[in-house]
Amino acid sequence: MTTIRSHVLFGQFLLSKGFVNREDIFKARILQKETNLKIGQLAKRRGWLTDLEIEKTLIVQEETYEKFGVIAVREKFLLQSQVNELLEEHDDEYIFFGEALVKAGIIKHKELIEQLKDYNKQRVFDAQTEREESEQSRLS
């Protein structure tokens, strides 16, 4: 069993097993970026925010680490009902990396499920190993 440590991303796991190559990972990530629009982009697409309002909101977000929607409502760029609608749309359209691999035709859905199971088993095993190693070094 290959040690991947609990922080390794699913794409790196698949790459280390030779299941995908770097180009496959790029294709899937590009599909994710094209599909997983941010709240500001969704609001702009609906005509609810301008580029300037998005930029102002993002600047405040960088300084305060608040959620985009919270800032946009406070600044009166959006209504709370609009933010709720955008969040629902965002959740409906969001695709995970594995889903992007399937949509791009890189792997089949059944293979995705099998690899996710292996990945999660390995993460649990590695997390346990890390805890044991940490505990052992603390006691030494």
Foldseek 3Di string as FASTA:
>chain_A
DDQDEQVDDLVVVCVVVVLDHPVLLVQLVVVQPVQQDDLVVVCVVVVLADPVLQVVLVVVCVVPVDDSLVSCVVVVSDPVVSSVVSVVVNVVRHDDSLVSSCVVVSDPPVVSVVSVVVSVVSSVVNVVVVVVVVVVVVVD
